[in-house]
Amino acid sequence: MTKSLLVLACGGHGRVVADAATECGYEEIAFLDDAHDTLTPVIGFPVLGPLSLIEQLAASWPNAIAAVGNGAKRQQLFRRLREAGYRTCSIVHPSAVVSRRASVGEGVLVAAGAVINVGAKIGDAAIVNTGARIDHDCIIGSAAHIAPGTTLSGGVTVGERAWLGTGCSVRQGITIGDDVMVGVGAAVVADLTVAGTYAGVPARRLEKHA
């Protein structure tokens, strides 16, 4: 039986997901994207139409993954896929190192070169991006994004829809709340519990200006 996957949507992250899926043995891949009428086949795979087709395609494309970068939107699409009866599979690139004593939820991308150590728990619809390192006993919330090259020391908790920017580092035992965004290259050495954007070394909350 041909192994097939429907990918929502086909921006940069969607292409990364599709490419990783081919390395995992998926032979038939297609996209849904609301910009379908302006898109040609993406890395050799067709764009079938807009996201409004999700409910119609569950029988013919039983495996699907939400592949948008925005965490809230990805979480919403993940839930919609489950309600429509899809298998919300996770894609783990063969070059990633995932402890058999870690757990990875549904609809997750673990990208090339990522490391997930013993006792870690990755929530549904999360992204562990290229070369990210998640050490022992970390808990990553639903729809969080651990960006390329990010390092989490042991026992870090990351909330839902949080975004940890490229190359940032998080000290052991830290808690990062829901909807927190951490800037590129930041060093997180204290808990960040209030939603907002944090940057710098050490990471501090950026104030909004009128």
C-alpha atoms as a PDB file:
ATOM      1  CA  MET A   1       0.000   0.000   0.000  1.00  0.00           C
ATOM      2  CA  THR A   2       1.302   3.459  -0.928  1.00  0.00           C
ATOM      3  CA  LYS A   3       2.128   5.609   2.092  1.00  0.00           C
ATOM      4  CA  SER A   4       0.463   8.992   1.592  1.00  0.00           C
ATOM      5  CA  LEU A   5       0.460  12.310   3.453  1.00  0.00           C
ATOM      6  CA  LEU A   6      -1.569  15.495   3.148  1.00  0.00           C
ATOM      7  CA  VAL A   7       0.375  18.594   4.255  1.00  0.00           C
ATOM      8  CA  LEU A   8      -1.276  21.856   5.370  1.00  0.00           C
ATOM      9  CA  ALA A   9       0.175  24.282   3.937  1.00  0.00           C
ATOM     10  CA  CYS A  10       3.059  24.709   1.464  1.00  0.00           C
ATOM     11  CA  GLY A  11       5.178  27.592   2.699  1.00  0.00           C
ATOM     12  CA  GLY A  12       8.758  27.117   3.830  1.00  0.00           C
ATOM     13  CA  HIS A  13       7.838  24.977   6.828  1.00  0.00           C
ATOM     14  CA  GLY A  14       5.448  22.876   4.771  1.00  0.00           C
ATOM     15  CA  ARG A  15       8.221  22.096   2.307  1.00  0.00           C
ATOM     16  CA  VAL A  16      10.522  21.066   5.156  1.00  0.00           C
ATOM     17  CA  VAL A  17       7.808  18.716   6.450  1.00  0.00           C
ATOM     18  CA  ALA A  18       7.220  17.227   2.993  1.00  0.00           C
ATOM     19  CA  ASP A  19      10.922  16.743   2.402  1.00  0.00           C
ATOM     20  CA  ALA A  20      11.340  15.004   5.779  1.00  0.00           C
ATOM     21  CA  ALA A  21       8.301  12.848   5.021  1.00  0.00           C
ATOM     22  CA  THR A  22       9.935  11.524   1.872  1.00  0.00           C
ATOM     23  CA  GLU A  23      12.908  10.463   4.001  1.00  0.00           C
ATOM     24  CA  CYS A  24      10.444   8.638   6.270  1.00  0.00           C
ATOM     25  CA  GLY A  25       9.073   6.603   3.378  1.00  0.00           C
ATOM     26  CA  TYR A  26       6.010   8.590   2.332  1.00  0.00           C
ATOM     27  CA  GLU A  27       5.628   8.087  -1.417  1.00  0.00           C
ATOM     28  CA  GLU A  28       2.548  10.167  -2.189  1.00  0.00           C
ATOM     29  CA  ILE A  29       2.431  13.715  -0.794  1.00  0.00           C
ATOM     30  CA  ALA A  30       0.125  16.621  -1.575  1.00  0.00           C
ATOM     31  CA  PHE A  31      -0.533  20.078  -0.138  1.00  0.00           C
ATOM     32  CA  LEU A  32      -3.545  22.170   0.699  1.00  0.00           C
ATOM     33  CA  ASP A  33      -2.998  25.929   0.728  1.00  0.00           C
ATOM     34  CA  ASP A  34      -5.333  28.912   0.459  1.00  0.00           C
ATOM     35  CA  ALA A  35      -2.956  30.409  -2.133  1.00  0.00           C
ATOM     36  CA  HIS A  36      -3.384  27.300  -4.302  1.00  0.00           C
ATOM     37  CA  ASP A  37      -4.401  29.237  -7.407  1.00  0.00           C
ATOM     38  CA  THR A  38      -1.016  30.999  -7.517  1.00  0.00           C
ATOM     39  CA  LEU A  39       1.089  27.909  -6.825  1.00  0.00           C
ATOM     40  CA  THR A  40       2.619  25.333  -9.115  1.00  0.00           C
ATOM     41  CA  PRO A  41       3.597  21.854  -7.840  1.00  0.00           C
ATOM     42  CA  VAL A  42       5.858  22.315  -4.821  1.00  0.00           C
ATOM     43  CA  ILE A  43       9.080  20.236  -4.777  1.00  0.00           C
ATOM     44  CA  GLY A  44       7.332  17.864  -7.144  1.00  0.00           C
ATOM     45  CA  PHE A  45       4.108  17.455  -5.147  1.00  0.00           C
ATOM     46  CA  PRO A  46       0.680  18.794  -6.195  1.00  0.00           C
ATOM     47  CA  VAL A  47      -1.313  21.518  -4.484  1.00  0.00           C
ATOM     48  CA  LEU A  48      -4.855  20.132  -4.424  1.00  0.00           C
ATOM     49  CA  GLY A  49      -6.689  23.275  -3.407  1.00  0.00           C
ATOM     50  CA  PRO A  50      -7.584  25.455  -0.405  1.00  0.00           C
ATOM     51  CA  LEU A  51      -7.815  24.464   3.249  1.00  0.00           C
ATOM     52  CA  SER A  52     -11.602  24.368   2.926  1.00  0.00           C
ATOM     53  CA  LEU A  53     -11.146  20.914   1.347  1.00  0.00           C
ATOM     54  CA  ILE A  54      -9.895  19.387   4.607  1.00  0.00           C
ATOM     55  CA  GLU A  55     -13.154  17.691   5.531  1.00  0.00           C
ATOM     56  CA  GLN A  56     -13.710  16.372   1.984  1.00  0.00           C
ATOM     57  CA  LEU A  57     -10.353  14.616   1.639  1.00  0.00           C
ATOM     58  CA  ALA A  58     -10.213  12.574   4.864  1.00  0.00           C
ATOM     59  CA  ALA A  59     -11.192   9.328   3.138  1.00  0.00           C
ATOM     60  CA  SER A  60      -8.698   9.602   0.278  1.00  0.00           C
ATOM     61  CA  TRP A  61      -5.823  11.115   2.295  1.00  0.00           C
ATOM     62  CA  PRO A  62      -6.074   9.472   5.730  1.00  0.00           C
ATOM     63  CA  ASN A  63      -2.724  10.791   7.042  1.00  0.00           C
ATOM     64  CA  ALA A  64      -2.245  14.525   7.478  1.00  0.00           C
ATOM     65  CA  ILE A  65      -0.113  17.085   9.296  1.00  0.00           C
ATOM     66  CA  ALA A  66      -0.587  20.808   9.925  1.00  0.00           C
ATOM     67  CA  ALA A  67       2.554  22.569   8.686  1.00  0.00           C
ATOM     68  CA  VAL A  68       2.088  26.280   9.226  1.00  0.00           C
ATOM     69  CA  GLY A  69       4.625  28.235  11.250  1.00  0.00           C
ATOM     70  CA  ASN A  70       2.138  30.204  13.354  1.00  0.00           C
ATOM     71  CA  GLY A  71       1.525  28.181  16.516  1.00  0.00           C
ATOM     72  CA  ALA A  72      -2.075  29.224  17.126  1.00  0.00           C
ATOM     73  CA  LYS A  73      -3.033  28.511  13.529  1.00  0.00           C
ATOM     74  CA  ARG A  74      -1.163  25.188  13.555  1.00  0.00           C
ATOM     75  CA  GLN A  75      -2.942  24.157  16.755  1.00  0.00           C
ATOM     76  CA  GLN A  76      -6.296  25.103  15.245  1.00  0.00           C
ATOM     77  CA  LEU A  77      -5.626  23.120  12.060  1.00  0.00           C
ATOM     78  CA  PHE A  78      -4.366  20.135  14.059  1.00  0.00           C
ATOM     79  CA  ARG A  79      -7.624  20.026  16.017  1.00  0.00           C
ATOM     80  CA  ARG A  80      -9.614  20.387  12.811  1.00  0.00           C
ATOM     81  CA  LEU A  81      -7.780  17.416  11.275  1.00  0.00           C
ATOM     82  CA  ARG A  82      -8.556  15.267  14.295  1.00  0.00           C
ATOM     83  CA  GLU A  83     -12.215  16.246  14.252  1.00  0.00           C
ATOM     84  CA  ALA A  84     -12.368  15.359  10.538  1.00  0.00           C
ATOM     85  CA  GLY A  85     -11.051  11.862  11.266  1.00  0.00           C
ATOM     86  CA  TYR A  86      -7.471  12.085   9.967  1.00  0.00           C
ATOM     87  CA  ARG A  87      -4.531  10.250  11.467  1.00  0.00           C
ATOM     88  CA  THR A  88      -2.461  13.195  12.676  1.00  0.00           C
ATOM     89  CA  CYS A  89       0.918  11.568  12.198  1.00  0.00           C
ATOM     90  CA  SER A  90       4.254  12.900  13.366  1.00  0.00           C
ATOM     91  CA  ILE A  91       7.265  13.183  11.063  1.00  0.00           C
ATOM     92  CA  VAL A  92      10.643  12.402  12.619  1.00  0.00           C
ATOM     93  CA  HIS A  93      13.555  12.882  10.220  1.00  0.00           C
ATOM     94  CA  PRO A  94      15.803   9.788  10.161  1.00  0.00           C
ATOM     95  CA  SER A  95      18.834  11.874  11.164  1.00  0.00           C
ATOM     96  CA  ALA A  96      17.147  13.073  14.373  1.00  0.00           C
ATOM     97  CA  VAL A  97      18.102  11.345  17.631  1.00  0.00           C
ATOM     98  CA  VAL A  98      15.065  10.628  19.809  1.00  0.00           C
ATOM     99  CA  SER A  99      15.421   8.587  22.968  1.00  0.00           C
ATOM    100  CA  ARG A 100      13.094   5.608  23.099  1.00  0.00           C
ATOM    101  CA  ARG A 101      12.374   6.846  26.631  1.00  0.00           C
ATOM    102  CA  ALA A 102      11.103  10.189  25.369  1.00  0.00           C
ATOM    103  CA  SER A 103       7.536  10.693  24.126  1.00  0.00           C
ATOM    104  CA  VAL A 104       6.461  12.533  20.986  1.00  0.00           C
ATOM    105  CA  GLY A 105       2.822  13.519  20.527  1.00  0.00           C
ATOM    106  CA  GLU A 106       0.739  13.627  17.367  1.00  0.00           C
ATOM    107  CA  GLY A 107       1.255  16.045  14.496  1.00  0.00           C
ATOM    108  CA  VAL A 108       4.844  16.857  15.502  1.00  0.00           C
ATOM    109  CA  LEU A 109       7.790  17.601  13.222  1.00  0.00           C
ATOM    110  CA  VAL A 110      11.197  16.561  14.534  1.00  0.00           C
ATOM    111  CA  ALA A 111      13.535  17.965  11.887  1.00  0.00           C
ATOM    112  CA  ALA A 112      16.945  16.875  10.653  1.00  0.00           C
ATOM    113  CA  GLY A 113      19.689  16.732  13.281  1.00  0.00           C
ATOM    114  CA  ALA A 114      17.438  17.403  16.264  1.00  0.00           C
ATOM    115  CA  VAL A 115      18.122  15.632  19.578  1.00  0.00           C
ATOM    116  CA  ILE A 116      15.460  14.723  22.138  1.00  0.00           C
ATOM    117  CA  ASN A 117      16.792  13.090  25.276  1.00  0.00           C
ATOM    118  CA  VAL A 118      15.446  10.643  27.860  1.00  0.00           C
ATOM    119  CA  GLY A 119      12.280  11.632  29.711  1.00  0.00           C
ATOM    120  CA  ALA A 120      11.403  14.528  27.408  1.00  0.00           C
ATOM    121  CA  LYS A 121       7.755  14.958  26.376  1.00  0.00           C
ATOM    122  CA  ILE A 122       6.834  16.728  23.131  1.00  0.00           C
ATOM    123  CA  GLY A 123       3.237  17.953  22.900  1.00  0.00           C
ATOM    124  CA  ASP A 124       0.905  17.616  19.932  1.00  0.00           C
ATOM    125  CA  ALA A 125       1.534  19.825  16.885  1.00  0.00           C
ATOM    126  CA  ALA A 126       4.899  21.016  18.204  1.00  0.00           C
ATOM    127  CA  ILE A 127       7.962  21.700  16.049  1.00  0.00           C
ATOM    128  CA  VAL A 128      11.445  20.619  17.083  1.00  0.00           C
ATOM    129  CA  ASN A 129      13.339  22.243  14.271  1.00  0.00           C
ATOM    130  CA  THR A 130      16.674  21.606  12.565  1.00  0.00           C
ATOM    131  CA  GLY A 131      19.492  20.844  14.999  1.00  0.00           C
ATOM    132  CA  ALA A 132      17.498  21.783  18.108  1.00  0.00           C
ATOM    133  CA  ARG A 133      18.601  20.044  21.312  1.00  0.00           C
ATOM    134  CA  ILE A 134      16.135  19.121  24.026  1.00  0.00           C
ATOM    135  CA  ASP A 135      17.756  17.538  27.057  1.00  0.00           C
ATOM    136  CA  HIS A 136      16.346  15.150  29.644  1.00  0.00           C
ATOM    137  CA  ASP A 137      12.912  15.612  31.209  1.00  0.00           C
ATOM    138  CA  CYS A 138      11.903  18.726  29.259  1.00  0.00           C
ATOM    139  CA  ILE A 139       8.190  19.229  28.620  1.00  0.00           C
ATOM    140  CA  ILE A 140       7.243  20.987  25.373  1.00  0.00           C
ATOM    141  CA  GLY A 141       3.660  22.231  25.138  1.00  0.00           C
ATOM    142  CA  SER A 142       1.218  21.784  22.298  1.00  0.00           C
ATOM    143  CA  ALA A 143       2.011  23.827  19.165  1.00  0.00           C
ATOM    144  CA  ALA A 144       5.265  25.193  20.610  1.00  0.00           C
ATOM    145  CA  HIS A 145       8.153  25.828  18.192  1.00  0.00           C
ATOM    146  CA  ILE A 146      11.733  25.078  19.175  1.00  0.00           C
ATOM    147  CA  ALA A 147      13.602  26.846  16.372  1.00  0.00           C
ATOM    148  CA  PRO A 148      16.803  25.696  14.616  1.00  0.00           C
ATOM    149  CA  GLY A 149      19.856  25.397  16.829  1.00  0.00           C
ATOM    150  CA  THR A 150      18.032  26.101  20.090  1.00  0.00           C
ATOM    151  CA  THR A 151      19.344  24.346  23.221  1.00  0.00           C
ATOM    152  CA  LEU A 152      17.212  23.412  26.222  1.00  0.00           C
ATOM    153  CA  SER A 153      19.029  22.092  29.275  1.00  0.00           C
ATOM    154  CA  GLY A 154      17.382  19.465  31.465  1.00  0.00           C
ATOM    155  CA  GLY A 155      13.991  19.885  33.074  1.00  0.00           C
ATOM    156  CA  VAL A 156      12.792  22.887  31.056  1.00  0.00           C
ATOM    157  CA  THR A 157       9.037  23.395  30.654  1.00  0.00           C
ATOM    158  CA  VAL A 158       7.789  25.239  27.561  1.00  0.00           C
ATOM    159  CA  GLY A 159       4.152  26.340  27.312  1.00  0.00           C
ATOM    160  CA  GLU A 160       1.650  26.016  24.506  1.00  0.00           C
ATOM    161  CA  ARG A 161       2.309  28.034  21.339  1.00  0.00           C
ATOM    162  CA  ALA A 162       5.597  29.360  22.724  1.00  0.00           C
ATOM    163  CA  TRP A 163       8.270  30.181  20.141  1.00  0.00           C
ATOM    164  CA  LEU A 164      11.935  29.830  21.065  1.00  0.00           C
ATOM    165  CA  GLY A 165      13.972  31.665  18.430  1.00  0.00           C
ATOM    166  CA  THR A 166      16.935  30.364  16.480  1.00  0.00           C
ATOM    167  CA  GLY A 167      20.014  29.652  18.567  1.00  0.00           C
ATOM    168  CA  CYS A 168      18.608  30.658  21.934  1.00  0.00           C
ATOM    169  CA  SER A 169      19.695  28.806  25.084  1.00  0.00           C
ATOM    170  CA  VAL A 170      17.616  27.900  28.126  1.00  0.00           C
ATOM    171  CA  ARG A 171      19.069  27.106  31.554  1.00  0.00           C
ATOM    172  CA  GLN A 172      18.023  23.907  33.326  1.00  0.00           C
ATOM    173  CA  GLY A 173      14.775  23.906  35.278  1.00  0.00           C
ATOM    174  CA  ILE A 174      13.345  27.029  33.627  1.00  0.00           C
ATOM    175  CA  THR A 175       9.615  27.492  32.954  1.00  0.00           C
ATOM    176  CA  ILE A 176       8.516  29.363  29.820  1.00  0.00           C
ATOM    177  CA  GLY A 177       4.815  30.190  29.678  1.00  0.00           C
ATOM    178  CA  ASP A 178       2.147  29.909  27.019  1.00  0.00           C
ATOM    179  CA  ASP A 179       2.482  32.296  24.051  1.00  0.00           C
ATOM    180  CA  VAL A 180       5.960  33.488  25.033  1.00  0.00           C
ATOM    181  CA  MET A 181       8.289  34.411  22.174  1.00  0.00           C
ATOM    182  CA  VAL A 182      12.045  34.278  22.810  1.00  0.00           C
ATOM    183  CA  GLY A 183      14.294  36.145  20.393  1.00  0.00           C
ATOM    184  CA  VAL A 184      17.154  34.835  18.302  1.00  0.00           C
ATOM    185  CA  GLY A 185      20.264  34.076  20.339  1.00  0.00           C
ATOM    186  CA  ALA A 186      18.703  34.956  23.694  1.00  0.00           C
ATOM    187  CA  ALA A 187      19.869  33.371  26.949  1.00  0.00           C
ATOM    188  CA  VAL A 188      17.001  32.392  29.245  1.00  0.00           C
ATOM    189  CA  VAL A 189      18.237  32.156  32.843  1.00  0.00           C
ATOM    190  CA  ALA A 190      14.999  32.962  34.715  1.00  0.00           C
ATOM    191  CA  ASP A 191      11.380  31.896  34.333  1.00  0.00           C
ATOM    192  CA  LEU A 192       9.374  33.716  31.625  1.00  0.00           C
ATOM    193  CA  THR A 193       5.776  33.236  32.709  1.00  0.00           C
ATOM    194  CA  VAL A 194       4.012  36.267  31.216  1.00  0.00           C
ATOM    195  CA  ALA A 195       3.079  36.117  27.524  1.00  0.00           C
ATOM    196  CA  GLY A 196       5.134  38.491  25.416  1.00  0.00           C
ATOM    197  CA  THR A 197       8.413  38.847  23.556  1.00  0.00           C
ATOM    198  CA  TYR A 198      11.751  38.433  25.316  1.00  0.00           C
ATOM    199  CA  ALA A 199      15.222  39.076  23.924  1.00  0.00           C
ATOM    200  CA  GLY A 200      18.821  39.609  24.944  1.00  0.00           C
ATOM    201  CA  VAL A 201      21.432  38.130  27.256  1.00  0.00           C
ATOM    202  CA  PRO A 202      19.911  37.564  29.705  1.00  0.00           C
ATOM    203  CA  ALA A 203      16.458  37.527  28.105  1.00  0.00           C
ATOM    204  CA  ARG A 204      14.228  40.413  29.187  1.00  0.00           C
ATOM    205  CA  ARG A 205      10.684  41.321  28.197  1.00  0.00           C
ATOM    206  CA  LEU A 206      10.450  43.932  25.468  1.00  0.00           C
ATOM    207  CA  GLU A 207       8.119  46.766  26.326  1.00  0.00           C
ATOM    208  CA  LYS A 208       5.508  47.852  23.819  1.00  0.00           C
ATOM    209  CA  HIS A 209       5.651  51.485  22.761  1.00  0.00           C
ATOM    210  CA  ALA A 210       2.688  53.496  21.559  1.00  0.00           C
END
